[in-house]
Each structure stands twice: as structure tokens, then as C-alpha cells.
Amino acid sequence: MSMKALNAKDSSALVEQLDELAAENMKLRFQKATMQLNNTARVGQVRREIAQIKTVLTGRQRAESKES
């Protein structure tokens, strides 16, 4: 997902998506450990999406703290 699309979402939707991606990441890690993972590139994609969401959320928190 692009950063523009992530910035357009509200924080609650981002947290929900972050939870879903964390669960998918755990599932992929188990599949990798049991040698059942077909698409190994998906692991990197999920980690990248998690990092992007965390970056947007952190930026919003810092902006809020500067305003107060």
C-alpha cells in the first residue's frame, strides 16, 4: 500500500490493519519454520507494510505532542 493511501486513513483504521498484518506475519513465520511457505516474498512485504504503518502512526503522535 502506498504512503499516500496510509496517510489518508484515520488512526483507528491503521491500528486495525497493523493488528491484521501482525497476525499474518506470525502465520507466515510459522509456515516458514515448518517449510510450508510458498511465497517467501510475502514475508518482506508484510514487514515493510508494518513498518510503513508504524511510521505514519509515530509521525501523527509526534505532531500531536508538538501541538500541545
Protein backbone atom coordinates (compact mmCIF):
# COMPACT_ATOMS: atom_id res chain seq x y z
CA MET A 1 0.00 0.00 0.00
CA SER A 2 1.30 3.44 -0.82
CA MET A 3 2.16 6.05 1.79
CA LYS A 4 -0.48 8.41 0.36
CA ALA A 5 -3.15 5.81 0.97
CA LEU A 6 -1.88 5.21 4.50
CA ASN A 7 -1.85 8.94 5.28
CA ALA A 8 -5.45 9.21 4.06
CA LYS A 9 -6.68 6.61 6.60
CA ASP A 10 -7.55 7.50 10.16
CA SER A 11 -5.51 6.19 13.08
CA SER A 12 -8.04 3.59 14.21
CA ALA A 13 -8.11 2.00 10.75
CA LEU A 14 -4.33 1.93 10.71
CA VAL A 15 -4.16 0.24 14.10
CA GLU A 16 -6.68 -2.35 12.92
CA GLN A 17 -4.66 -3.00 9.77
CA LEU A 18 -1.49 -3.22 11.87
CA ASP A 19 -3.07 -5.93 14.03
CA GLU A 20 -4.10 -7.90 10.93
CA LEU A 21 -0.61 -7.65 9.45
CA ALA A 22 0.99 -8.71 12.73
CA ALA A 23 -1.19 -11.81 12.77
CA GLU A 24 -0.32 -12.54 9.14
CA ASN A 25 3.35 -12.07 9.94
CA MET A 26 3.12 -14.63 12.75
CA LYS A 27 1.32 -17.07 10.43
CA LEU A 28 3.99 -16.64 7.76
CA ARG A 29 6.76 -17.20 10.31
CA PHE A 30 5.16 -20.49 11.37
CA GLN A 31 4.76 -21.56 7.75
CA LYS A 32 8.41 -20.76 7.11
CA ALA A 33 9.50 -22.76 10.15
CA THR A 34 7.50 -25.80 9.04
CA MET A 35 8.66 -25.48 5.42
CA GLN A 36 5.11 -24.83 4.15
CA LEU A 37 5.66 -21.28 2.92
CA ASN A 38 5.09 -20.94 -0.82
CA ASN A 39 5.53 -17.19 -1.36
CA THR A 40 8.67 -16.19 0.52
CA ALA A 41 8.50 -12.63 -0.79
CA ARG A 42 5.29 -12.04 1.16
CA VAL A 43 7.28 -12.06 4.43
CA GLY A 44 9.21 -8.99 3.32
CA GLN A 45 6.07 -7.27 2.01
CA VAL A 46 4.28 -7.72 5.31
CA ARG A 47 7.25 -6.44 7.30
CA ARG A 48 7.51 -3.40 5.02
CA GLU A 49 3.79 -2.63 5.36
CA ILE A 50 4.04 -2.92 9.15
CA ALA A 51 6.98 -0.51 9.18
CA GLN A 52 5.13 1.98 6.97
CA ILE A 53 2.06 1.95 9.21
CA LYS A 54 4.19 2.40 12.32
CA THR A 55 5.97 5.31 10.65
CA VAL A 56 2.68 7.07 9.87
CA LEU A 57 1.34 6.48 13.39
CA THR A 58 4.55 7.73 15.01
CA GLY A 59 4.53 10.83 12.84
CA ARG A 60 0.96 11.58 13.90
CA GLN A 61 1.82 11.12 17.58
CA ARG A 62 4.79 13.46 17.30
CA ALA A 63 2.70 16.07 15.51
CA GLU A 64 0.08 15.88 18.26
CA SER A 65 2.69 16.23 21.00
CA LYS A 66 4.21 19.30 19.31
CA GLU A 67 0.81 20.97 19.16
CA SER A 68 0.21 20.55 22.87
